[in-house]
Amino acid sequence: VMSVNPGFGGQKFIPHVLGKIEAVRKLVD
């Protein structure tokens, strides 16, 4: 799950992607 838009380093973290982490973890488990 990308927490920045891809292409360059040093970008600011996008916190709303944590919801996707939770959804993927729930499915995997």
mmCIF file of all heavy atoms, coordinates in Angstrom:
data_MODEL
# 
_entry.id   MODEL 
# 
loop_
_atom_site.group_PDB 
_atom_site.id 
_atom_site.type_symbol 
_atom_site.label_atom_id 
_atom_site.label_alt_id 
_atom_site.label_comp_id 
_atom_site.label_asym_id 
_atom_site.label_entity_id 
_atom_site.label_seq_id 
_atom_site.pdbx_PDB_ins_code 
_atom_site.Cartn_x 
_atom_site.Cartn_y 
_atom_site.Cartn_z 
_atom_site.occupancy 
_atom_site.B_iso_or_equiv 
_atom_site.pdbx_formal_charge 
_atom_site.auth_seq_id 
_atom_site.auth_comp_id 
_atom_site.auth_asym_id 
_atom_site.auth_atom_id 
_atom_site.pdbx_PDB_model_num 
ATOM 1   N N   . VAL A 1 1  ? 0.861   -1.182  0.000   1.00 0.00 ? 1  VAL A N   1 
ATOM 2   C CA  . VAL A 1 1  ? 0.000   0.000   0.000   1.00 0.00 ? 1  VAL A CA  1 
ATOM 3   C C   . VAL A 1 1  ? 0.897   1.232   0.000   1.00 0.00 ? 1  VAL A C   1 
ATOM 4   O O   . VAL A 1 1  ? 1.691   1.434   0.925   1.00 0.00 ? 1  VAL A O   1 
ATOM 5   C CB  . VAL A 1 1  ? -0.928  0.007   1.226   1.00 0.00 ? 1  VAL A CB  1 
ATOM 6   C CG1 . VAL A 1 1  ? -1.747  1.294   1.279   1.00 0.00 ? 1  VAL A CG1 1 
ATOM 7   C CG2 . VAL A 1 1  ? -1.852  -1.216  1.201   1.00 0.00 ? 1  VAL A CG2 1 
ATOM 8   N N   . MET A 1 2  ? 0.781   2.039   -1.050  1.00 0.00 ? 2  MET A N   1 
ATOM 9   C CA  . MET A 1 2  ? 1.577   3.257   -1.132  1.00 0.00 ? 2  MET A CA  1 
ATOM 10  C C   . MET A 1 2  ? 0.970   4.328   -0.229  1.00 0.00 ? 2  MET A C   1 
ATOM 11  O O   . MET A 1 2  ? -0.228  4.609   -0.290  1.00 0.00 ? 2  MET A O   1 
ATOM 12  C CB  . MET A 1 2  ? 1.631   3.772   -2.567  1.00 0.00 ? 2  MET A CB  1 
ATOM 13  C CG  . MET A 1 2  ? 2.399   2.886   -3.530  1.00 0.00 ? 2  MET A CG  1 
ATOM 14  S SD  . MET A 1 2  ? 4.141   2.684   -3.058  1.00 0.00 ? 2  MET A SD  1 
ATOM 15  C CE  . MET A 1 2  ? 4.734   4.379   -3.187  1.00 0.00 ? 2  MET A CE  1 
ATOM 16  N N   . SER A 1 3  ? 1.814   4.935   0.592   1.00 0.00 ? 3  SER A N   1 
ATOM 17  C CA  . SER A 1 3  ? 1.367   6.031   1.463   1.00 0.00 ? 3  SER A CA  1 
ATOM 18  C C   . SER A 1 3  ? 1.910   7.375   0.988   1.00 0.00 ? 3  SER A C   1 
ATOM 19  O O   . SER A 1 3  ? 1.870   8.369   1.717   1.00 0.00 ? 3  SER A O   1 
ATOM 20  C CB  . SER A 1 3  ? 1.766   5.760   2.911   1.00 0.00 ? 3  SER A CB  1 
ATOM 21  O OG  . SER A 1 3  ? 3.090   5.298   3.028   1.00 0.00 ? 3  SER A OG  1 
ATOM 22  N N   . VAL A 1 4  ? 2.424   7.394   -0.244  1.00 0.00 ? 4  VAL A N   1 
ATOM 23  C CA  . VAL A 1 4  ? 2.707   8.615   -1.000  1.00 0.00 ? 4  VAL A CA  1 
ATOM 24  C C   . VAL A 1 4  ? 2.393   8.290   -2.457  1.00 0.00 ? 4  VAL A C   1 
ATOM 25  O O   . VAL A 1 4  ? 2.252   7.122   -2.831  1.00 0.00 ? 4  VAL A O   1 
ATOM 26  C CB  . VAL A 1 4  ? 4.178   9.081   -0.883  1.00 0.00 ? 4  VAL A CB  1 
ATOM 27  C CG1 . VAL A 1 4  ? 4.544   9.421   0.550   1.00 0.00 ? 4  VAL A CG1 1 
ATOM 28  C CG2 . VAL A 1 4  ? 5.133   8.041   -1.459  1.00 0.00 ? 4  VAL A CG2 1 
ATOM 29  N N   . ASN A 1 5  ? 2.305   9.295   -3.287  1.00 0.00 ? 5  ASN A N   1 
ATOM 30  C CA  . ASN A 1 5  ? 2.184   9.047   -4.718  1.00 0.00 ? 5  ASN A CA  1 
ATOM 31  C C   . ASN A 1 5  ? 3.556   8.660   -5.259  1.00 0.00 ? 5  ASN A C   1 
ATOM 32  O O   . ASN A 1 5  ? 4.559   9.323   -4.962  1.00 0.00 ? 5  ASN A O   1 
ATOM 33  C CB  . ASN A 1 5  ? 1.642   10.280  -5.432  1.00 0.00 ? 5  ASN A CB  1 
ATOM 34  C CG  . ASN A 1 5  ? 0.199   10.546  -5.066  1.00 0.00 ? 5  ASN A CG  1 
ATOM 35  O OD1 . ASN A 1 5  ? -0.653  9.679   -5.228  1.00 0.00 ? 5  ASN A OD1 1 
ATOM 36  N ND2 . ASN A 1 5  ? -0.081  11.731  -4.546  1.00 0.00 ? 5  ASN A ND2 1 
ATOM 37  N N   . PRO A 1 6  ? 3.641   7.579   -6.032  1.00 0.00 ? 6  PRO A N   1 
ATOM 38  C CA  . PRO A 1 6  ? 4.948   7.034   -6.389  1.00 0.00 ? 6  PRO A CA  1 
ATOM 39  C C   . PRO A 1 6  ? 5.717   7.912   -7.361  1.00 0.00 ? 6  PRO A C   1 
ATOM 40  O O   . PRO A 1 6  ? 5.142   8.669   -8.138  1.00 0.00 ? 6  PRO A O   1 
ATOM 41  C CB  . PRO A 1 6  ? 4.598   5.693   -7.032  1.00 0.00 ? 6  PRO A CB  1 
ATOM 42  C CG  . PRO A 1 6  ? 3.239   5.903   -7.600  1.00 0.00 ? 6  PRO A CG  1 
ATOM 43  C CD  . PRO A 1 6  ? 2.538   6.816   -6.625  1.00 0.00 ? 6  PRO A CD  1 
ATOM 44  N N   . GLY A 1 7  ? 7.039   7.790   -7.279  1.00 0.00 ? 7  GLY A N   1 
ATOM 45  C CA  . GLY A 1 7  ? 7.895   8.474   -8.239  1.00 0.00 ? 7  GLY A CA  1 
ATOM 46  C C   . GLY A 1 7  ? 9.069   9.202   -7.637  1.00 0.00 ? 7  GLY A C   1 
ATOM 47  O O   . GLY A 1 7  ? 10.134  9.303   -8.248  1.00 0.00 ? 7  GLY A O   1 
ATOM 48  N N   . PHE A 1 8  ? 8.901   9.697   -6.406  1.00 0.00 ? 8  PHE A N   1 
ATOM 49  C CA  . PHE A 1 8  ? 9.977   10.462  -5.776  1.00 0.00 ? 8  PHE A CA  1 
ATOM 50  C C   . PHE A 1 8  ? 10.020  10.145  -4.284  1.00 0.00 ? 8  PHE A C   1 
ATOM 51  O O   . PHE A 1 8  ? 8.977   9.965   -3.646  1.00 0.00 ? 8  PHE A O   1 
ATOM 52  C CB  . PHE A 1 8  ? 9.773   11.970  -5.970  1.00 0.00 ? 8  PHE A CB  1 
ATOM 53  C CG  . PHE A 1 8  ? 9.851   12.406  -7.409  1.00 0.00 ? 8  PHE A CG  1 
ATOM 54  C CD1 . PHE A 1 8  ? 8.713   12.443  -8.196  1.00 0.00 ? 8  PHE A CD1 1 
ATOM 55  C CD2 . PHE A 1 8  ? 11.074  12.747  -7.978  1.00 0.00 ? 8  PHE A CD2 1 
ATOM 56  C CE1 . PHE A 1 8  ? 8.768   12.831  -9.528  1.00 0.00 ? 8  PHE A CE1 1 
ATOM 57  C CE2 . PHE A 1 8  ? 11.139  13.125  -9.311  1.00 0.00 ? 8  PHE A CE2 1 
ATOM 58  C CZ  . PHE A 1 8  ? 9.994   13.167  -10.089 1.00 0.00 ? 8  PHE A CZ  1 
ATOM 59  N N   . GLY A 1 9  ? 11.229  10.108  -3.728  1.00 0.00 ? 9  GLY A N   1 
ATOM 60  C CA  . GLY A 1 9  ? 11.393  9.920   -2.299  1.00 0.00 ? 9  GLY A CA  1 
ATOM 61  C C   . GLY A 1 9  ? 11.183  11.222  -1.541  1.00 0.00 ? 9  GLY A C   1 
ATOM 62  O O   . GLY A 1 9  ? 11.077  12.302  -2.124  1.00 0.00 ? 9  GLY A O   1 
ATOM 63  N N   . GLY A 1 10 ? 11.128  11.104  -0.218  1.00 0.00 ? 10 GLY A N   1 
ATOM 64  C CA  . GLY A 1 10 ? 11.066  12.281  0.635   1.00 0.00 ? 10 GLY A CA  1 
ATOM 65  C C   . GLY A 1 10 ? 9.711   12.952  0.710   1.00 0.00 ? 10 GLY A C   1 
ATOM 66  O O   . GLY A 1 10 ? 9.610   14.093  1.169   1.00 0.00 ? 10 GLY A O   1 
ATOM 67  N N   . GLN A 1 11 ? 8.637   12.251  0.290   1.00 0.00 ? 11 GLN A N   1 
ATOM 68  C CA  . GLN A 1 11 ? 7.312   12.857  0.320   1.00 0.00 ? 11 GLN A CA  1 
ATOM 69  C C   . GLN A 1 11 ? 6.650   12.688  1.692   1.00 0.00 ? 11 GLN A C   1 
ATOM 70  O O   . GLN A 1 11 ? 7.056   11.868  2.512   1.00 0.00 ? 11 GLN A O   1 
ATOM 71  C CB  . GLN A 1 11 ? 6.422   12.230  -0.753  1.00 0.00 ? 11 GLN A CB  1 
ATOM 72  C CG  . GLN A 1 11 ? 6.894   12.437  -2.177  1.00 0.00 ? 11 GLN A CG  1 
ATOM 73  C CD  . GLN A 1 11 ? 5.901   11.879  -3.165  1.00 0.00 ? 11 GLN A CD  1 
ATOM 74  O OE1 . GLN A 1 11 ? 4.767   12.322  -3.262  1.00 0.00 ? 11 GLN A OE1 1 
ATOM 75  N NE2 . GLN A 1 11 ? 6.333   10.857  -3.910  1.00 0.00 ? 11 GLN A NE2 1 
ATOM 76  N N   . LYS A 1 12 ? 5.573   13.460  1.891   1.00 0.00 ? 12 LYS A N   1 
ATOM 77  C CA  . LYS A 1 12 ? 4.860   13.429  3.158   1.00 0.00 ? 12 LYS A CA  1 
ATOM 78  C C   . LYS A 1 12 ? 3.862   12.283  3.187   1.00 0.00 ? 12 LYS A C   1 
ATOM 79  O O   . LYS A 1 12 ? 3.137   12.033  2.228   1.00 0.00 ? 12 LYS A O   1 
ATOM 80  C CB  . LYS A 1 12 ? 4.132   14.762  3.376   1.00 0.00 ? 12 LYS A CB  1 
ATOM 81  C CG  . LYS A 1 12 ? 3.488   14.896  4.743   1.00 0.00 ? 12 LYS A CG  1 
ATOM 82  C CD  . LYS A 1 12 ? 2.859   16.270  4.918   1.00 0.00 ? 12 LYS A CD  1 
ATOM 83  C CE  . LYS A 1 12 ? 2.198   16.394  6.284   1.00 0.00 ? 12 LYS A CE  1 
ATOM 84  N NZ  . LYS A 1 12 ? 1.585   17.749  6.477   1.00 0.00 ? 12 LYS A NZ  1 
ATOM 85  N N   . PHE A 1 13 ? 3.821   11.583  4.297   1.00 0.00 ? 13 PHE A N   1 
ATOM 86  C CA  . PHE A 1 13 ? 2.931   10.463  4.540   1.00 0.00 ? 13 PHE A CA  1 
ATOM 87  C C   . PHE A 1 13 ? 1.462   10.873  4.382   1.00 0.00 ? 13 PHE A C   1 
ATOM 88  O O   . PHE A 1 13 ? 1.047   11.932  4.867   1.00 0.00 ? 13 PHE A O   1 
ATOM 89  C CB  . PHE A 1 13 ? 3.189   9.957   5.959   1.00 0.00 ? 13 PHE A CB  1 
ATOM 90  C CG  . PHE A 1 13 ? 2.332   8.807   6.401   1.00 0.00 ? 13 PHE A CG  1 
ATOM 91  C CD1 . PHE A 1 13 ? 2.599   7.521   5.973   1.00 0.00 ? 13 PHE A CD1 1 
ATOM 92  C CD2 . PHE A 1 13 ? 1.278   9.012   7.279   1.00 0.00 ? 13 PHE A CD2 1 
ATOM 93  C CE1 . PHE A 1 13 ? 1.823   6.462   6.404   1.00 0.00 ? 13 PHE A CE1 1 
ATOM 94  C CE2 . PHE A 1 13 ? 0.501   7.953   7.716   1.00 0.00 ? 13 PHE A CE2 1 
ATOM 95  C CZ  . PHE A 1 13 ? 0.777   6.674   7.270   1.00 0.00 ? 13 PHE A CZ  1 
ATOM 96  N N   . ILE A 1 14 ? 0.677   10.030  3.692   1.00 0.00 ? 14 ILE A N   1 
ATOM 97  C CA  . ILE A 1 14 ? -0.755  10.253  3.494   1.00 0.00 ? 14 ILE A CA  1 
ATOM 98  C C   . ILE A 1 14 ? -1.508  9.344   4.461   1.00 0.00 ? 14 ILE A C   1 
ATOM 99  O O   . ILE A 1 14 ? -1.615  8.136   4.233   1.00 0.00 ? 14 ILE A O   1 
ATOM 100 C CB  . ILE A 1 14 ? -1.168  9.964   2.037   1.00 0.00 ? 14 ILE A CB  1 
ATOM 101 C CG1 . ILE A 1 14 ? -0.399  10.881  1.068   1.00 0.00 ? 14 ILE A CG1 1 
ATOM 102 C CG2 . ILE A 1 14 ? -2.671  10.122  1.855   1.00 0.00 ? 14 ILE A CG2 1 
ATOM 103 C CD1 . ILE A 1 14 ? -0.613  10.545  -0.401  1.00 0.00 ? 14 ILE A CD1 1 
ATOM 104 N N   . PRO A 1 15 ? -2.057  9.872   5.541   1.00 0.00 ? 15 PRO A N   1 
ATOM 105 C CA  . PRO A 1 15 ? -2.593  9.007   6.596   1.00 0.00 ? 15 PRO A CA  1 
ATOM 106 C C   . PRO A 1 15 ? -3.846  8.234   6.224   1.00 0.00 ? 15 PRO A C   1 
ATOM 107 O O   . PRO A 1 15 ? -4.096  7.171   6.807   1.00 0.00 ? 15 PRO A O   1 
ATOM 108 C CB  . PRO A 1 15 ? -2.865  9.974   7.756   1.00 0.00 ? 15 PRO A CB  1 
ATOM 109 C CG  . PRO A 1 15 ? -2.907  11.327  7.154   1.00 0.00 ? 15 PRO A CG  1 
ATOM 110 C CD  . PRO A 1 15 ? -2.036  11.293  5.948   1.00 0.00 ? 15 PRO A CD  1 
ATOM 111 N N   . HIS A 1 16 ? -4.638  8.704   5.257   1.00 0.00 ? 16 HIS A N   1 
ATOM 112 C CA  . HIS A 1 16 ? -5.895  8.006   4.989   1.00 0.00 ? 16 HIS A CA  1 
ATOM 113 C C   . HIS A 1 16 ? -5.680  6.609   4.405   1.00 0.00 ? 16 HIS A C   1 
ATOM 114 O O   . HIS A 1 16 ? -6.607  5.784   4.404   1.00 0.00 ? 16 HIS A O   1 
ATOM 115 C CB  . HIS A 1 16 ? -6.814  8.837   4.089   1.00 0.00 ? 16 HIS A CB  1 
ATOM 116 C CG  . HIS A 1 16 ? -6.402  8.897   2.639   1.00 0.00 ? 16 HIS A CG  1 
ATOM 117 N ND1 . HIS A 1 16 ? -6.543  7.849   1.769   1.00 0.00 ? 16 HIS A ND1 1 
ATOM 118 C CD2 . HIS A 1 16 ? -5.860  9.913   1.913   1.00 0.00 ? 16 HIS A CD2 1 
ATOM 119 C CE1 . HIS A 1 16 ? -6.117  8.193   0.570   1.00 0.00 ? 16 HIS A CE1 1 
ATOM 120 N NE2 . HIS A 1 16 ? -5.692  9.435   0.637   1.00 0.00 ? 16 HIS A NE2 1 
ATOM 121 N N   . VAL A 1 17 ? -4.467  6.301   3.929   1.00 0.00 ? 17 VAL A N   1 
ATOM 122 C CA  . VAL A 1 17 ? -4.224  4.960   3.396   1.00 0.00 ? 17 VAL A CA  1 
ATOM 123 C C   . VAL A 1 17 ? -4.211  3.900   4.489   1.00 0.00 ? 17 VAL A C   1 
ATOM 124 O O   . VAL A 1 17 ? -4.270  2.702   4.189   1.00 0.00 ? 17 VAL A O   1 
ATOM 125 C CB  . VAL A 1 17 ? -2.906  4.896   2.594   1.00 0.00 ? 17 VAL A CB  1 
ATOM 126 C CG1 . VAL A 1 17 ? -2.890  5.944   1.492   1.00 0.00 ? 17 VAL A CG1 1 
ATOM 127 C CG2 . VAL A 1 17 ? -1.681  5.022   3.483   1.00 0.00 ? 17 VAL A CG2 1 
ATOM 128 N N   . LEU A 1 18 ? -4.140  4.306   5.754   1.00 0.00 ? 18 LEU A N   1 
ATOM 129 C CA  . LEU A 1 18 ? -4.145  3.321   6.832   1.00 0.00 ? 18 LEU A CA  1 
ATOM 130 C C   . LEU A 1 18 ? -5.421  2.490   6.826   1.00 0.00 ? 18 LEU A C   1 
ATOM 131 O O   . LEU A 1 18 ? -5.413  1.332   7.257   1.00 0.00 ? 18 LEU A O   1 
ATOM 132 C CB  . LEU A 1 18 ? -3.960  4.016   8.181   1.00 0.00 ? 18 LEU A CB  1 
ATOM 133 C CG  . LEU A 1 18 ? -2.593  4.671   8.401   1.00 0.00 ? 18 LEU A CG  1 
ATOM 134 C CD1 . LEU A 1 18 ? -2.581  5.441   9.719   1.00 0.00 ? 18 LEU A CD1 1 
ATOM 135 C CD2 . LEU A 1 18 ? -1.470  3.633   8.377   1.00 0.00 ? 18 LEU A CD2 1 
ATOM 136 N N   . GLY A 1 19 ? -6.499  3.064   6.339   1.00 0.00 ? 19 GLY A N   1 
ATOM 137 C CA  . GLY A 1 19 ? -7.732  2.287   6.213   1.00 0.00 ? 19 GLY A CA  1 
ATOM 138 C C   . GLY A 1 19 ? -7.572  1.122   5.255   1.00 0.00 ? 19 GLY A C   1 
ATOM 139 O O   . GLY A 1 19 ? -8.152  0.042   5.473   1.00 0.00 ? 19 GLY A O   1 
ATOM 140 N N   . LYS A 1 20 ? -6.783  1.310   4.192   1.00 0.00 ? 20 LYS A N   1 
ATOM 141 C CA  . LYS A 1 20 ? -6.536  0.206   3.257   1.00 0.00 ? 20 LYS A CA  1 
ATOM 142 C C   . LYS A 1 20 ? -5.640  -0.853  3.893   1.00 0.00 ? 20 LYS A C   1 
ATOM 143 O O   . LYS A 1 20 ? -5.829  -2.056  3.663   1.00 0.00 ? 20 LYS A O   1 
ATOM 144 C CB  . LYS A 1 20 ? -5.909  0.731   1.964   1.00 0.00 ? 20 LYS A CB  1 
ATOM 145 C CG  . LYS A 1 20 ? -6.908  1.379   1.043   1.00 0.00 ? 20 LYS A CG  1 
ATOM 146 C CD  . LYS A 1 20 ? -6.357  1.585   -0.348  1.00 0.00 ? 20 LYS A CD  1 
ATOM 147 C CE  . LYS A 1 20 ? -5.370  2.715   -0.412  1.00 0.00 ? 20 LYS A CE  1 
ATOM 148 N NZ  . LYS A 1 20 ? -4.956  3.013   -1.804  1.00 0.00 ? 20 LYS A NZ  1 
ATOM 149 N N   . ILE A 1 21 ? -4.666  -0.418  4.693   1.00 0.00 ? 21 ILE A N   1 
ATOM 150 C CA  . ILE A 1 21 ? -3.847  -1.389  5.425   1.00 0.00 ? 21 ILE A CA  1 
ATOM 151 C C   . ILE A 1 21 ? -4.742  -2.260  6.296   1.00 0.00 ? 21 ILE A C   1 
ATOM 152 O O   . ILE A 1 21 ? -4.612  -3.497  6.331   1.00 0.00 ? 21 ILE A O   1 
ATOM 153 C CB  . ILE A 1 21 ? -2.789  -0.668  6.285   1.00 0.00 ? 21 ILE A CB  1 
ATOM 154 C CG1 . ILE A 1 21 ? -1.738  0.016   5.404   1.00 0.00 ? 21 ILE A CG1 1 
ATOM 155 C CG2 . ILE A 1 21 ? -2.131  -1.632  7.267   1.00 0.00 ? 21 ILE A CG2 1 
ATOM 156 C CD1 . ILE A 1 21 ? -0.739  -0.918  4.765   1.00 0.00 ? 21 ILE A CD1 1 
ATOM 157 N N   . GLU A 1 22 ? -5.656  -1.639  7.014   1.00 0.00 ? 22 GLU A N   1 
ATOM 158 C CA  . GLU A 1 22 ? -6.563  -2.386  7.888   1.00 0.00 ? 22 GLU A CA  1 
ATOM 159 C C   . GLU A 1 22 ? -7.406  -3.377  7.085   1.00 0.00 ? 22 GLU A C   1 
ATOM 160 O O   . GLU A 1 22 ? -7.613  -4.522  7.512   1.00 0.00 ? 22 GLU A O   1 
ATOM 161 C CB  . GLU A 1 22 ? -7.463  -1.419  8.651   1.00 0.00 ? 22 GLU A CB  1 
ATOM 162 C CG  . GLU A 1 22 ? -6.727  -0.570  9.668   1.00 0.00 ? 22 GLU A CG  1 
ATOM 163 C CD  . GLU A 1 22 ? -7.616  0.489   10.298  1.00 0.00 ? 22 GLU A CD  1 
ATOM 164 O OE1 . GLU A 1 22 ? -8.751  0.699   9.793   1.00 0.00 ? 22 GLU A OE1 1 
ATOM 165 O OE2 . GLU A 1 22 ? -7.191  1.103   11.290  1.00 0.00 ? 22 GLU A OE2 1 
ATOM 166 N N   . ALA A 1 23 ? -7.890  -2.934  5.923   1.00 0.00 ? 23 ALA A N   1 
ATOM 167 C CA  . ALA A 1 23 ? -8.732  -3.809  5.106   1.00 0.00 ? 23 ALA A CA  1 
ATOM 168 C C   . ALA A 1 23 ? -7.946  -4.994  4.553   1.00 0.00 ? 23 ALA A C   1 
ATOM 169 O O   . ALA A 1 23 ? -8.438  -6.134  4.547   1.00 0.00 ? 23 ALA A O   1 
ATOM 170 C CB  . ALA A 1 23 ? -9.352  -3.005  3.961   1.00 0.00 ? 23 ALA A CB  1 
ATOM 171 N N   . VAL A 1 24 ? -6.722  -4.740  4.097   1.00 0.00 ? 24 VAL A N   1 
ATOM 172 C CA  . VAL A 1 24 ? -5.895  -5.837  3.587   1.00 0.00 ? 24 VAL A CA  1 
ATOM 173 C C   . VAL A 1 24 ? -5.555  -6.806  4.718   1.00 0.00 ? 24 VAL A C   1 
ATOM 174 O O   . VAL A 1 24 ? -5.645  -8.031  4.556   1.00 0.00 ? 24 VAL A O   1 
ATOM 175 C CB  . VAL A 1 24 ? -4.614  -5.303  2.913   1.00 0.00 ? 24 VAL A CB  1 
ATOM 176 C CG1 . VAL A 1 24 ? -3.706  -6.458  2.511   1.00 0.00 ? 24 VAL A CG1 1 
ATOM 177 C CG2 . VAL A 1 24 ? -4.944  -4.451  1.693   1.00 0.00 ? 24 VAL A CG2 1 
ATOM 178 N N   . ARG A 1 25 ? -5.186  -6.282  5.878   1.00 0.00 ? 25 ARG A N   1 
ATOM 179 C CA  . ARG A 1 25 ? -4.855  -7.153  7.010   1.00 0.00 ? 25 ARG A CA  1 
ATOM 180 C C   . ARG A 1 25 ? -6.044  -8.022  7.403   1.00 0.00 ? 25 ARG A C   1 
ATOM 181 O O   . ARG A 1 25 ? -5.899  -9.222  7.651   1.00 0.00 ? 25 ARG A O   1 
ATOM 182 C CB  . ARG A 1 25 ? -4.404  -6.280  8.198   1.00 0.00 ? 25 ARG A CB  1 
ATOM 183 C CG  . ARG A 1 25 ? -4.255  -7.009  9.533   1.00 0.00 ? 25 ARG A CG  1 
ATOM 184 C CD  . ARG A 1 25 ? -3.351  -8.230  9.479   1.00 0.00 ? 25 ARG A CD  1 
ATOM 185 N NE  . ARG A 1 25 ? -2.028  -7.888  9.007   1.00 0.00 ? 25 ARG A NE  1 
ATOM 186 C CZ  . ARG A 1 25 ? -1.151  -8.786  8.545   1.00 0.00 ? 25 ARG A CZ  1 
ATOM 187 N NH1 . ARG A 1 25 ? -1.469  -10.066 8.484   1.00 0.00 ? 25 ARG A NH1 1 
ATOM 188 N NH2 . ARG A 1 25 ? 0.031   -8.396  8.123   1.00 0.00 ? 25 ARG A NH2 1 
ATOM 189 N N   . LYS A 1 26 ? -7.231  -7.430  7.443   1.00 0.00 ? 26 LYS A N   1 
ATOM 190 C CA  . LYS A 1 26 ? -8.424  -8.190  7.816   1.00 0.00 ? 26 LYS A CA  1 
ATOM 191 C C   . LYS A 1 26 ? -8.669  -9.324  6.826   1.00 0.00 ? 26 LYS A C   1 
ATOM 192 O O   . LYS A 1 26 ? -8.980  -10.464 7.228   1.00 0.00 ? 26 LYS A O   1 
ATOM 193 C CB  . LYS A 1 26 ? -9.633  -7.259  7.876   1.00 0.00 ? 26 LYS A CB  1 
ATOM 194 C CG  . LYS A 1 26 ? -10.913 -7.945  8.304   1.00 0.00 ? 26 LYS A CG  1 
ATOM 195 C CD  . LYS A 1 26 ? -12.068 -6.946  8.404   1.00 0.00 ? 26 LYS A CD  1 
ATOM 196 C CE  . LYS A 1 26 ? -13.361 -7.647  8.829   1.00 0.00 ? 26 LYS A CE  1 
ATOM 197 N NZ  . LYS A 1 26 ? -14.488 -6.675  8.930   1.00 0.00 ? 26 LYS A NZ  1 
ATOM 198 N N   . LEU A 1 27 ? -8.510  -9.039  5.533   1.00 0.00 ? 27 LEU A N   1 
ATOM 199 C CA  . LEU A 1 27 ? -8.722  -10.064 4.519   1.00 0.00 ? 27 LEU A CA  1 
ATOM 200 C C   . LEU A 1 27 ? -7.673  -11.170 4.627   1.00 0.00 ? 27 LEU A C   1 
ATOM 201 O O   . LEU A 1 27 ? -8.005  -12.367 4.581   1.00 0.00 ? 27 LEU A O   1 
ATOM 202 C CB  . LEU A 1 27 ? -8.684  -9.437  3.130   1.00 0.00 ? 27 LEU A CB  1 
ATOM 203 C CG  . LEU A 1 27 ? -8.880  -10.396 1.950   1.00 0.00 ? 27 LEU A CG  1 
ATOM 204 C CD1 . LEU A 1 27 ? -10.239 -11.073 2.023   1.00 0.00 ? 27 LEU A CD1 1 
ATOM 205 C CD2 . LEU A 1 27 ? -8.726  -9.659  0.627   1.00 0.00 ? 27 LEU A CD2 1 
ATOM 206 N N   . VAL A 1 28 ? -6.412  -10.784 4.757   1.00 0.00 ? 28 VAL A N   1 
ATOM 207 C CA  . VAL A 1 28 ? -5.334  -11.773 4.871   1.00 0.00 ? 28 VAL A CA  1 
ATOM 208 C C   . VAL A 1 28 ? -5.574  -12.691 6.065   1.00 0.00 ? 28 VAL A C   1 
ATOM 209 O O   . VAL A 1 28 ? -5.479  -13.921 5.967   1.00 0.00 ? 28 VAL A O   1 
ATOM 210 C CB  . VAL A 1 28 ? -3.971  -11.058 4.971   1.00 0.00 ? 28 VAL A CB  1 
ATOM 211 C CG1 . VAL A 1 28 ? -2.876  -12.019 5.418   1.00 0.00 ? 28 VAL A CG1 1 
ATOM 212 C CG2 . VAL A 1 28 ? -3.593  -10.426 3.635   1.00 0.00 ? 28 VAL A CG2 1 
ATOM 213 N N   . ASP A 1 29 ? -5.899  -12.100 7.204   1.00 0.00 ? 29 ASP A N   1 
ATOM 214 C CA  . ASP A 1 29 ? -6.081  -12.896 8.421   1.00 0.00 ? 29 ASP A CA  1 
ATOM 215 C C   . ASP A 1 29 ? -7.335  -13.761 8.350   1.00 0.00 ? 29 ASP A C   1 
ATOM 216 O O   . ASP A 1 29 ? -7.320  -14.933 8.747   1.00 0.00 ? 29 ASP A O   1 
ATOM 217 C CB  . ASP A 1 29 ? -6.150  -11.986 9.644   1.00 0.00 ? 29 ASP A CB  1 
ATOM 218 C CG  . ASP A 1 29 ? -4.806  -11.356 9.994   1.00 0.00 ? 29 ASP A CG  1 
ATOM 219 O OD1 . ASP A 1 29 ? -3.797  -11.737 9.375   1.00 0.00 ? 29 ASP A OD1 1 
ATOM 220 O OD2 . ASP A 1 29 ? -4.776  -10.484 10.879  1.00 0.00 ? 29 ASP A OD2 1 
# 
